[in-house]
Amino acid sequence: MSMQYEQLFEKIRPAIDSKMGEFKHYQYDAITAEELWRFCIEKKWRRKNIEQLHLYEIISTIFSVSPSDIVSFNQVEFLQSNDWFTDLNTEELKMLLGPVKT
């Protein structure tokens, strides 16, 4: 996390803690404050200059995030980052991707 994001993270920490309390209330204990923050940075604000956002816009975004938003984002990130065929040898790949013989 860059210094700019770290400073902003600390500045709005009460809003993040409040949202984390909501997640815990609904038993989404596995989601961390850092995951919430990363989701906002990488998904919600990825095409925006965070320096131009008003504080109320940043906090509003945080309060609008649902647990399913973060879970879906993490799943997509996981699926995009993995190379599904690294453990397969050439013969196994041919069996998987080759035509089915009947």
PDB file of N, CA and C in Angstrom:
ATOM      1  N   MET A   1       0.852  -1.173   0.000  1.00  0.00           N
ATOM      2  CA  MET A   1       0.000   0.000   0.000  1.00  0.00           C
ATOM      3  C   MET A   1       0.897   1.236   0.000  1.00  0.00           C
ATOM      4  N   SER A   2       0.600   2.190  -0.853  1.00  0.00           N
ATOM      5  CA  SER A   2       1.417   3.392  -0.896  1.00  0.00           C
ATOM      6  C   SER A   2       1.133   4.251   0.340  1.00  0.00           C
ATOM      7  N   MET A   3       2.040   5.181   0.587  1.00  0.00           N
ATOM      8  CA  MET A   3       1.914   6.045   1.753  1.00  0.00           C
ATOM      9  C   MET A   3       0.599   6.827   1.715  1.00  0.00           C
ATOM     10  N   GLN A   4       0.215   7.288   0.532  1.00  0.00           N
ATOM     11  CA  GLN A   4      -1.024   8.036   0.373  1.00  0.00           C
ATOM     12  C   GLN A   4      -2.221   7.196   0.854  1.00  0.00           C
ATOM     13  N   TYR A   5      -2.265   5.939   0.436  1.00  0.00           N
ATOM     14  CA  TYR A   5      -3.369   5.065   0.826  1.00  0.00           C
ATOM     15  C   TYR A   5      -3.301   4.719   2.315  1.00  0.00           C
ATOM     16  N   GLU A   6      -2.104   4.542   2.829  1.00  0.00           N
ATOM     17  CA  GLU A   6      -1.952   4.241   4.257  1.00  0.00           C
ATOM     18  C   GLU A   6      -2.440   5.394   5.122  1.00  0.00           C
ATOM     19  N   GLN A   7      -2.101   6.607   4.728  1.00  0.00           N
ATOM     20  CA  GLN A   7      -2.540   7.782   5.489  1.00  0.00           C
ATOM     21  C   GLN A   7      -4.052   7.925   5.440  1.00  0.00           C
ATOM     22  N   LEU A   8      -4.626   7.730   4.277  1.00  0.00           N
ATOM     23  CA  LEU A   8      -6.079   7.816   4.148  1.00  0.00           C
ATOM     24  C   LEU A   8      -6.757   6.696   4.922  1.00  0.00           C
ATOM     25  N   PHE A   9      -6.174   5.501   4.876  1.00  0.00           N
ATOM     26  CA  PHE A   9      -6.706   4.364   5.620  1.00  0.00           C
ATOM     27  C   PHE A   9      -6.798   4.700   7.111  1.00  0.00           C
ATOM     28  N   GLU A  10      -5.740   5.286   7.658  1.00  0.00           N
ATOM     29  CA  GLU A  10      -5.734   5.652   9.076  1.00  0.00           C
ATOM     30  C   GLU A  10      -6.717   6.785   9.362  1.00  0.00           C
ATOM     31  N   LYS A  11      -6.867   7.694   8.431  1.00  0.00           N
ATOM     32  CA  LYS A  11      -7.776   8.829   8.613  1.00  0.00           C
ATOM     33  C   LYS A  11      -9.230   8.382   8.702  1.00  0.00           C
ATOM     34  N   ILE A  12      -9.589   7.397   7.892  1.00  0.00           N
ATOM     35  CA  ILE A  12     -10.989   6.947   7.874  1.00  0.00           C
ATOM     36  C   ILE A  12     -11.173   5.626   8.616  1.00  0.00           C
ATOM     37  N   ARG A  13     -10.211   5.267   9.423  1.00  0.00           N
ATOM     38  CA  ARG A  13     -10.258   4.003  10.169  1.00  0.00           C
ATOM     39  C   ARG A  13     -11.556   3.819  10.967  1.00  0.00           C
ATOM     40  N   PRO A  14     -12.107   4.867  11.596  1.00  0.00           N
ATOM     41  CA  PRO A  14     -13.384   4.659  12.312  1.00  0.00           C
ATOM     42  C   PRO A  14     -14.515   4.159  11.401  1.00  0.00           C
ATOM     43  N   ALA A  15     -14.588   4.651  10.170  1.00  0.00           N
ATOM     44  CA  ALA A  15     -15.629   4.195   9.233  1.00  0.00           C
ATOM     45  C   ALA A  15     -15.380   2.735   8.847  1.00  0.00           C
ATOM     46  N   ILE A  16     -14.122   2.397   8.633  1.00  0.00           N
ATOM     47  CA  ILE A  16     -13.779   1.019   8.288  1.00  0.00           C
ATOM     48  C   ILE A  16     -14.102   0.089   9.455  1.00  0.00           C
ATOM     49  N   ASP A  17     -13.757   0.513  10.669  1.00  0.00           N
ATOM     50  CA  ASP A  17     -14.059  -0.302  11.847  1.00  0.00           C
ATOM     51  C   ASP A  17     -15.561  -0.491  12.031  1.00  0.00           C
ATOM     52  N   SER A  18     -16.322   0.549  11.731  1.00  0.00           N
ATOM     53  CA  SER A  18     -17.778   0.444  11.822  1.00  0.00           C
ATOM     54  C   SER A  18     -18.308  -0.583  10.819  1.00  0.00           C
ATOM     55  N   LYS A  19     -17.794  -0.540   9.597  1.00  0.00           N
ATOM     56  CA  LYS A  19     -18.225  -1.501   8.579  1.00  0.00           C
ATOM     57  C   LYS A  19     -17.806  -2.917   8.972  1.00  0.00           C
ATOM     58  N   MET A  20     -16.615  -3.050   9.539  1.00  0.00           N
ATOM     59  CA  MET A  20     -16.157  -4.367   9.985  1.00  0.00           C
ATOM     60  C   MET A  20     -17.058  -4.892  11.105  1.00  0.00           C
ATOM     61  N   GLY A  21     -17.526  -4.005  11.972  1.00  0.00           N
ATOM     62  CA  GLY A  21     -18.470  -4.405  13.013  1.00  0.00           C
ATOM     63  C   GLY A  21     -19.766  -4.932  12.417  1.00  0.00           C
ATOM     64  N   GLU A  22     -20.217  -4.296  11.343  1.00  0.00           N
ATOM     65  CA  GLU A  22     -21.423  -4.769  10.648  1.00  0.00           C
ATOM     66  C   GLU A  22     -21.181  -6.155  10.056  1.00  0.00           C
ATOM     67  N   PHE A  23     -20.018  -6.346   9.425  1.00  0.00           N
ATOM     68  CA  PHE A  23     -19.695  -7.655   8.860  1.00  0.00           C
ATOM     69  C   PHE A  23     -19.672  -8.725   9.951  1.00  0.00           C
ATOM     70  N   LYS A  24     -19.085  -8.406  11.069  1.00  0.00           N
ATOM     71  CA  LYS A  24     -19.007  -9.378  12.175  1.00  0.00           C
ATOM     72  C   LYS A  24     -20.399  -9.682  12.734  1.00  0.00           C
ATOM     73  N   HIS A  25     -21.254  -8.666  12.768  1.00  0.00           N
ATOM     74  CA  HIS A  25     -22.629  -8.867  13.231  1.00  0.00           C
ATOM     75  C   HIS A  25     -23.362  -9.887  12.358  1.00  0.00           C
ATOM     76  N   TYR A  26     -23.102  -9.841  11.073  1.00  0.00           N
ATOM     77  CA  TYR A  26     -23.728 -10.777  10.139  1.00  0.00           C
ATOM     78  C   TYR A  26     -22.875 -12.024   9.909  1.00  0.00           C
ATOM     79  N   GLN A  27     -21.896 -12.224  10.779  1.00  0.00           N
ATOM     80  CA  GLN A  27     -21.047 -13.419  10.828  1.00  0.00           C
ATOM     81  C   GLN A  27     -20.169 -13.596   9.591  1.00  0.00           C
ATOM     82  N   TYR A  28     -19.671 -12.483   9.067  1.00  0.00           N
ATOM     83  CA  TYR A  28     -18.666 -12.513   8.016  1.00  0.00           C
ATOM     84  C   TYR A  28     -17.316 -12.195   8.646  1.00  0.00           C
ATOM     85  N   ASP A  29     -16.893 -13.055   9.553  1.00  0.00           N
ATOM     86  CA  ASP A  29     -15.676 -12.826  10.328  1.00  0.00           C
ATOM     87  C   ASP A  29     -14.406 -12.986   9.505  1.00  0.00           C
ATOM     88  N   ALA A  30     -14.474 -13.662   8.384  1.00  0.00           N
ATOM     89  CA  ALA A  30     -13.275 -13.939   7.592  1.00  0.00           C
ATOM     90  C   ALA A  30     -12.802 -12.716   6.805  1.00  0.00           C
ATOM     91  N   ILE A  31     -13.658 -11.731   6.604  1.00  0.00           N
ATOM     92  CA  ILE A  31     -13.289 -10.532   5.858  1.00  0.00           C
ATOM     93  C   ILE A  31     -12.530  -9.587   6.778  1.00  0.00           C
ATOM     94  N   THR A  32     -11.386  -9.114   6.301  1.00  0.00           N
ATOM     95  CA  THR A  32     -10.557  -8.215   7.107  1.00  0.00           C
ATOM     96  C   THR A  32     -10.715  -6.773   6.626  1.00  0.00           C
ATOM     97  N   ALA A  33     -10.277  -5.860   7.472  1.00  0.00           N
ATOM     98  CA  ALA A  33     -10.307  -4.441   7.114  1.00  0.00           C
ATOM     99  C   ALA A  33      -9.428  -4.172   5.896  1.00  0.00           C
ATOM    100  N   GLU A  34      -8.320  -4.881   5.815  1.00  0.00           N
ATOM    101  CA  GLU A  34      -7.420  -4.709   4.682  1.00  0.00           C
ATOM    102  C   GLU A  34      -8.057  -5.196   3.385  1.00  0.00           C
ATOM    103  N   GLU A  35      -8.834  -6.272   3.455  1.00  0.00           N
ATOM    104  CA  GLU A  35      -9.546  -6.758   2.265  1.00  0.00           C
ATOM    105  C   GLU A  35     -10.602  -5.742   1.814  1.00  0.00           C
ATOM    106  N   LEU A  36     -11.316  -5.173   2.759  1.00  0.00           N
ATOM    107  CA  LEU A  36     -12.304  -4.137   2.451  1.00  0.00           C
ATOM    108  C   LEU A  36     -11.620  -2.960   1.776  1.00  0.00           C
ATOM    109  N   TRP A  37     -10.511  -2.513   2.326  1.00  0.00           N
ATOM    110  CA  TRP A  37      -9.770  -1.381   1.784  1.00  0.00           C
ATOM    111  C   TRP A  37      -9.235  -1.698   0.387  1.00  0.00           C
ATOM    112  N   ARG A  38      -8.656  -2.885   0.214  1.00  0.00           N
ATOM    113  CA  ARG A  38      -8.130  -3.294  -1.092  1.00  0.00           C
ATOM    114  C   ARG A  38      -9.250  -3.357  -2.130  1.00  0.00           C
ATOM    115  N   PHE A  39     -10.430  -3.871  -1.733  1.00  0.00           N
ATOM    116  CA  PHE A  39     -11.572  -3.923  -2.637  1.00  0.00           C
ATOM    117  C   PHE A  39     -11.940  -2.519  -3.107  1.00  0.00           C
ATOM    118  N   CYS A  40     -12.000  -1.590  -2.183  1.00  0.00           N
ATOM    119  CA  CYS A  40     -12.360  -0.217  -2.547  1.00  0.00           C
ATOM    120  C   CYS A  40     -11.331   0.385  -3.499  1.00  0.00           C
ATOM    121  N   ILE A  41     -10.063   0.187  -3.193  1.00  0.00           N
ATOM    122  CA  ILE A  41      -9.001   0.755  -4.030  1.00  0.00           C
ATOM    123  C   ILE A  41      -8.983   0.118  -5.412  1.00  0.00           C
ATOM    124  N   GLU A  42      -9.012  -1.195  -5.464  1.00  0.00           N
ATOM    125  CA  GLU A  42      -8.837  -1.893  -6.733  1.00  0.00           C
ATOM    126  C   GLU A  42     -10.101  -2.034  -7.559  1.00  0.00           C
ATOM    127  N   LYS A  43     -11.256  -1.980  -6.934  1.00  0.00           N
ATOM    128  CA  LYS A  43     -12.505  -2.166  -7.674  1.00  0.00           C
ATOM    129  C   LYS A  43     -13.312  -0.868  -7.776  1.00  0.00           C
ATOM    130  N   LYS A  44     -13.630  -0.282  -6.648  1.00  0.00           N
ATOM    131  CA  LYS A  44     -14.501   0.889  -6.637  1.00  0.00           C
ATOM    132  C   LYS A  44     -13.817   2.146  -7.170  1.00  0.00           C
ATOM    133  N   TRP A  45     -12.539   2.325  -6.834  1.00  0.00           N
ATOM    134  CA  TRP A  45     -11.846   3.559  -7.210  1.00  0.00           C
ATOM    135  C   TRP A  45     -10.757   3.329  -8.240  1.00  0.00           C
ATOM    136  N   ARG A  46     -10.756   2.248  -8.946  1.00  0.00           N
ATOM    137  CA  ARG A  46      -9.631   1.932  -9.829  1.00  0.00           C
ATOM    138  C   ARG A  46      -9.466   2.939 -10.957  1.00  0.00           C
ATOM    139  N   ARG A  47     -10.511   3.573 -11.392  1.00  0.00           N
ATOM    140  CA  ARG A  47     -10.411   4.552 -12.484  1.00  0.00           C
ATOM    141  C   ARG A  47     -10.559   5.986 -11.992  1.00  0.00           C
ATOM    142  N   LYS A  48     -10.481   6.170 -10.688  1.00  0.00           N
ATOM    143  CA  LYS A  48     -10.634   7.498 -10.110  1.00  0.00           C
ATOM    144  C   LYS A  48      -9.339   7.929  -9.454  1.00  0.00           C
ATOM    145  N   ASN A  49      -9.119   9.215  -9.433  1.00  0.00           N
ATOM    146  CA  ASN A  49      -7.989   9.763  -8.706  1.00  0.00           C
ATOM    147  C   ASN A  49      -8.443   9.955  -7.265  1.00  0.00           C
ATOM    148  N   ILE A  50      -7.904   9.167  -6.374  1.00  0.00           N
ATOM    149  CA  ILE A  50      -8.363   9.179  -4.993  1.00  0.00           C
ATOM    150  C   ILE A  50      -8.134  10.532  -4.322  1.00  0.00           C
ATOM    151  N   GLU A  51      -7.160  11.291  -4.824  1.00  0.00           N
ATOM    152  CA  GLU A  51      -6.900  12.618  -4.263  1.00  0.00           C
ATOM    153  C   GLU A  51      -8.035  13.587  -4.559  1.00  0.00           C
ATOM    154  N   GLN A  52      -8.820  13.319  -5.589  1.00  0.00           N
ATOM    155  CA  GLN A  52      -9.917  14.205  -5.954  1.00  0.00           C
ATOM    156  C   GLN A  52     -11.243  13.799  -5.308  1.00  0.00           C
ATOM    157  N   LEU A  53     -11.265  12.665  -4.645  1.00  0.00           N
ATOM    158  CA  LEU A  53     -12.495  12.233  -3.973  1.00  0.00           C
ATOM    159  C   LEU A  53     -12.665  12.990  -2.663  1.00  0.00           C
ATOM    160  N   HIS A  54     -13.880  13.358  -2.382  1.00  0.00           N
ATOM    161  CA  HIS A  54     -14.189  13.982  -1.102  1.00  0.00           C
ATOM    162  C   HIS A  54     -14.263  12.908  -0.022  1.00  0.00           C
ATOM    163  N   LEU A  55     -14.034  13.309   1.189  1.00  0.00           N
ATOM    164  CA  LEU A  55     -14.062  12.369   2.308  1.00  0.00           C
ATOM    165  C   LEU A  55     -15.420  11.677   2.415  1.00  0.00           C
ATOM    166  N   TYR A  56     -16.487  12.426   2.204  1.00  0.00           N
ATOM    167  CA  TYR A  56     -17.823  11.822   2.301  1.00  0.00           C
ATOM    168  C   TYR A  56     -18.046  10.774   1.214  1.00  0.00           C
ATOM    169  N   GLU A  57     -17.434  10.945   0.021  1.00  0.00           N
ATOM    170  CA  GLU A  57     -17.557   9.954  -1.053  1.00  0.00           C
ATOM    171  C   GLU A  57     -16.824   8.666  -0.683  1.00  0.00           C
ATOM    172  N   ILE A  58     -15.660   8.811  -0.081  1.00  0.00           N
ATOM    173  CA  ILE A  58     -14.872   7.651   0.329  1.00  0.00           C
ATOM    174  C   ILE A  58     -15.615   6.857   1.388  1.00  0.00           C
ATOM    175  N   ILE A  59     -16.143   7.553   2.380  1.00  0.00           N
ATOM    176  CA  ILE A  59     -16.862   6.878   3.469  1.00  0.00           C
ATOM    177  C   ILE A  59     -18.161   6.271   2.961  1.00  0.00           C
ATOM    178  N   SER A  60     -18.849   6.966   2.070  1.00  0.00           N
ATOM    179  CA  SER A  60     -20.080   6.436   1.485  1.00  0.00           C
ATOM    180  C   SER A  60     -19.810   5.143   0.723  1.00  0.00           C
ATOM    181  N   THR A  61     -18.705   5.116  -0.006  1.00  0.00           N
ATOM    182  CA  THR A  61     -18.329   3.900  -0.737  1.00  0.00           C
ATOM    183  C   THR A  61     -18.100   2.748   0.228  1.00  0.00           C
ATOM    184  N   ILE A  62     -17.378   3.016   1.295  1.00  0.00           N
ATOM    185  CA  ILE A  62     -17.094   1.971   2.289  1.00  0.00           C
ATOM    186  C   ILE A  62     -18.388   1.428   2.882  1.00  0.00           C
ATOM    187  N   PHE A  63     -19.308   2.320   3.224  1.00  0.00           N
ATOM    188  CA  PHE A  63     -20.570   1.871   3.819  1.00  0.00           C
ATOM    189  C   PHE A  63     -21.478   1.157   2.821  1.00  0.00           C
ATOM    190  N   SER A  64     -21.246   1.353   1.526  1.00  0.00           N
ATOM    191  CA  SER A  64     -22.099   0.709   0.522  1.00  0.00           C
ATOM    192  C   SER A  64     -21.628  -0.693   0.144  1.00  0.00           C
ATOM    193  N   VAL A  65     -20.435  -1.079   0.571  1.00  0.00           N
ATOM    194  CA  VAL A  65     -19.881  -2.385   0.202  1.00  0.00           C
ATOM    195  C   VAL A  65     -20.583  -3.492   0.987  1.00  0.00           C
ATOM    196  N   SER A  66     -20.954  -4.545   0.283  1.00  0.00           N
ATOM    197  CA  SER A  66     -21.559  -5.700   0.946  1.00  0.00           C
ATOM    198  C   SER A  66     -20.523  -6.824   1.039  1.00  0.00           C
ATOM    199  N   PRO A  67     -20.718  -7.743   1.960  1.00  0.00           N
ATOM    200  CA  PRO A  67     -19.799  -8.890   2.049  1.00  0.00           C
ATOM    201  C   PRO A  67     -19.723  -9.668   0.742  1.00  0.00           C
ATOM    202  N   SER A  68     -20.842  -9.806   0.053  1.00  0.00           N
ATOM    203  CA  SER A  68     -20.826 -10.562  -1.205  1.00  0.00           C
ATOM    204  C   SER A  68     -19.993  -9.857  -2.272  1.00  0.00           C
ATOM    205  N   ASP A  69     -19.919  -8.524  -2.231  1.00  0.00           N
ATOM    206  CA  ASP A  69     -19.055  -7.792  -3.160  1.00  0.00           C
ATOM    207  C   ASP A  69     -17.603  -8.224  -2.981  1.00  0.00           C
ATOM    208  N   ILE A  70     -17.166  -8.277  -1.741  1.00  0.00           N
ATOM    209  CA  ILE A  70     -15.778  -8.627  -1.442  1.00  0.00           C
ATOM    210  C   ILE A  70     -15.503 -10.088  -1.769  1.00  0.00           C
ATOM    211  N   VAL A  71     -16.428 -10.967  -1.414  1.00  0.00           N
ATOM    212  CA  VAL A  71     -16.247 -12.392  -1.697  1.00  0.00           C
ATOM    213  C   VAL A  71     -16.164 -12.623  -3.205  1.00  0.00           C
ATOM    214  N   SER A  72     -17.042 -12.009  -3.968  1.00  0.00           N
ATOM    215  CA  SER A  72     -17.018 -12.150  -5.435  1.00  0.00           C
ATOM    216  C   SER A  72     -15.717 -11.605  -6.010  1.00  0.00           C
ATOM    217  N   PHE A  73     -15.291 -10.453  -5.533  1.00  0.00           N
ATOM    218  CA  PHE A  73     -14.038  -9.857  -5.993  1.00  0.00           C
ATOM    219  C   PHE A  73     -12.864 -10.781  -5.715  1.00  0.00           C
ATOM    220  N   ASN A  74     -12.817 -11.341  -4.514  1.00  0.00           N
ATOM    221  CA  ASN A  74     -11.724 -12.255  -4.158  1.00  0.00           C
ATOM    222  C   ASN A  74     -11.745 -13.517  -5.012  1.00  0.00           C
ATOM    223  N   GLN A  75     -12.927 -14.028  -5.300  1.00  0.00           N
ATOM    224  CA  GLN A  75     -13.029 -15.218  -6.135  1.00  0.00           C
ATOM    225  C   GLN A  75     -12.539 -14.947  -7.551  1.00  0.00           C
ATOM    226  N   VAL A  76     -12.929 -13.832  -8.114  1.00  0.00           N
ATOM    227  CA  VAL A  76     -12.479 -13.479  -9.465  1.00  0.00           C
ATOM    228  C   VAL A  76     -10.965 -13.283  -9.484  1.00  0.00           C
ATOM    229  N   GLU A  77     -10.428 -12.598  -8.488  1.00  0.00           N
ATOM    230  CA  GLU A  77      -8.985 -12.412  -8.392  1.00  0.00           C
ATOM    231  C   GLU A  77      -8.267 -13.762  -8.325  1.00  0.00           C
ATOM    232  N   PHE A  78      -8.797 -14.673  -7.544  1.00  0.00           N
ATOM    233  CA  PHE A  78      -8.199 -15.997  -7.413  1.00  0.00           C
ATOM    234  C   PHE A  78      -8.222 -16.739  -8.739  1.00  0.00           C
ATOM    235  N   LEU A  79      -9.365 -16.719  -9.403  1.00  0.00           N
ATOM    236  CA  LEU A  79      -9.490 -17.437 -10.669  1.00  0.00           C
ATOM    237  C   LEU A  79      -8.603 -16.839 -11.750  1.00  0.00           C
ATOM    238  N   GLN A  80      -8.439 -15.531 -11.750  1.00  0.00           N
ATOM    239  CA  GLN A  80      -7.602 -14.887 -12.759  1.00  0.00           C
ATOM    240  C   GLN A  80      -6.117 -15.073 -12.489  1.00  0.00           C
ATOM    241  N   SER A  81      -5.757 -15.267 -11.234  1.00  0.00           N
ATOM    242  CA  SER A  81      -4.344 -15.327 -10.898  1.00  0.00           C
ATOM    243  C   SER A  81      -3.750 -16.727 -11.027  1.00  0.00           C
ATOM    244  N   ASN A  82      -4.556 -17.736 -10.977  1.00  0.00           N
ATOM    245  CA  ASN A  82      -4.033 -19.108 -11.018  1.00  0.00           C
ATOM    246  C   ASN A  82      -3.823 -19.601 -12.438  1.00  0.00           C
ATOM    247  N   ASP A  83      -2.768 -20.364 -12.595  1.00  0.00           N
ATOM    248  CA  ASP A  83      -2.547 -21.084 -13.842  1.00  0.00           C
ATOM    249  C   ASP A  83      -3.064 -22.499 -13.597  1.00  0.00           C
ATOM    250  N   TRP A  84      -4.193 -22.793 -14.166  1.00  0.00           N
ATOM    251  CA  TRP A  84      -4.899 -24.031 -13.854  1.00  0.00           C
ATOM    252  C   TRP A  84      -4.165 -25.280 -14.325  1.00  0.00           C
ATOM    253  N   PHE A  85      -3.240 -25.157 -15.261  1.00  0.00           N
ATOM    254  CA  PHE A  85      -2.620 -26.326 -15.849  1.00  0.00           C
ATOM    255  C   PHE A  85      -1.157 -26.510 -15.461  1.00  0.00           C
ATOM    256  N   THR A  86      -0.679 -25.843 -14.429  1.00  0.00           N
ATOM    257  CA  THR A  86       0.737 -25.947 -14.070  1.00  0.00           C
ATOM    258  C   THR A  86       1.118 -27.341 -13.599  1.00  0.00           C
ATOM    259  N   ASP A  87       0.224 -28.049 -12.961  1.00  0.00           N
ATOM    260  CA  ASP A  87       0.541 -29.361 -12.409  1.00  0.00           C
ATOM    261  C   ASP A  87       0.330 -30.508 -13.401  1.00  0.00           C
ATOM    262  N   LEU A  88      -0.133 -30.190 -14.589  1.00  0.00           N
ATOM    263  CA  LEU A  88      -0.412 -31.237 -15.570  1.00  0.00           C
ATOM    264  C   LEU A  88       0.757 -31.391 -16.537  1.00  0.00           C
ATOM    265  N   ASN A  89       1.046 -32.631 -16.895  1.00  0.00           N
ATOM    266  CA  ASN A  89       2.075 -32.843 -17.912  1.00  0.00           C
ATOM    267  C   ASN A  89       1.418 -32.827 -19.292  1.00  0.00           C
ATOM    268  N   THR A  90       2.214 -32.993 -20.331  1.00  0.00           N
ATOM    269  CA  THR A  90       1.718 -32.897 -21.702  1.00  0.00           C
ATOM    270  C   THR A  90       0.651 -33.937 -22.010  1.00  0.00           C
ATOM    271  N   GLU A  91       0.845 -35.152 -21.544  1.00  0.00           N
ATOM    272  CA  GLU A  91      -0.131 -36.218 -21.811  1.00  0.00           C
ATOM    273  C   GLU A  91      -1.468 -35.925 -21.147  1.00  0.00           C
ATOM    274  N   GLU A  92      -1.432 -35.431 -19.943  1.00  0.00           N
ATOM    275  CA  GLU A  92      -2.679 -35.098 -19.240  1.00  0.00           C
ATOM    276  C   GLU A  92      -3.401 -33.945 -19.939  1.00  0.00           C
ATOM    277  N   LEU A  93      -2.650 -32.981 -20.420  1.00  0.00           N
ATOM    278  CA  LEU A  93      -3.261 -31.880 -21.165  1.00  0.00           C
ATOM    279  C   LEU A  93      -3.914 -32.375 -22.447  1.00  0.00           C
ATOM    280  N   LYS A  94      -3.263 -33.297 -23.150  1.00  0.00           N
ATOM    281  CA  LYS A  94      -3.838 -33.852 -24.373  1.00  0.00           C
ATOM    282  C   LYS A  94      -5.134 -34.585 -24.065  1.00  0.00           C
ATOM    283  N   MET A  95      -5.154 -35.314 -22.971  1.00  0.00           N
ATOM    284  CA  MET A  95      -6.369 -36.033 -22.579  1.00  0.00           C
ATOM    285  C   MET A  95      -7.486 -35.065 -22.255  1.00  0.00           C
ATOM    286  N   LEU A  96      -7.157 -34.002 -21.578  1.00  0.00           N
ATOM    287  CA  LEU A  96      -8.171 -33.009 -21.185  1.00  0.00           C
ATOM    288  C   LEU A  96      -8.697 -32.217 -22.373  1.00  0.00           C
ATOM    289  N   LEU A  97      -7.795 -31.775 -23.221  1.00  0.00           N
ATOM    290  CA  LEU A  97      -8.160 -30.851 -24.273  1.00  0.00           C
ATOM    291  C   LEU A  97      -8.352 -31.493 -25.650  1.00  0.00           C
ATOM    292  N   GLY A  98      -7.980 -32.730 -25.758  1.00  0.00           N
ATOM    293  CA  GLY A  98      -8.096 -33.404 -27.047  1.00  0.00           C
ATOM    294  C   GLY A  98      -9.520 -33.821 -27.339  1.00  0.00           C
ATOM    295  N   PRO A  99      -9.778 -34.230 -28.582  1.00  0.00           N
ATOM    296  CA  PRO A  99     -11.125 -34.677 -28.947  1.00  0.00           C
ATOM    297  C   PRO A  99     -11.478 -35.983 -28.243  1.00  0.00           C
ATOM    298  N   VAL A 100     -12.717 -36.152 -27.976  1.00  0.00           N
ATOM    299  CA  VAL A 100     -13.204 -37.356 -27.308  1.00  0.00           C
ATOM    300  C   VAL A 100     -13.332 -38.467 -28.346  1.00  0.00           C
ATOM    301  N   LYS A 101     -12.716 -39.618 -28.056  1.00  0.00           N
ATOM    302  CA  LYS A 101     -12.809 -40.754 -28.977  1.00  0.00           C
ATOM    303  C   LYS A 101     -13.949 -41.647 -28.511  1.00  0.00           C
ATOM    304  N   THR A 102     -14.822 -41.936 -29.432  1.00  0.00           N
ATOM    305  CA  THR A 102     -15.973 -42.800 -29.090  1.00  0.00           C
ATOM    306  C   THR A 102     -15.925 -44.112 -29.789  1.00  0.00           C
TER     307      THR A 102
END
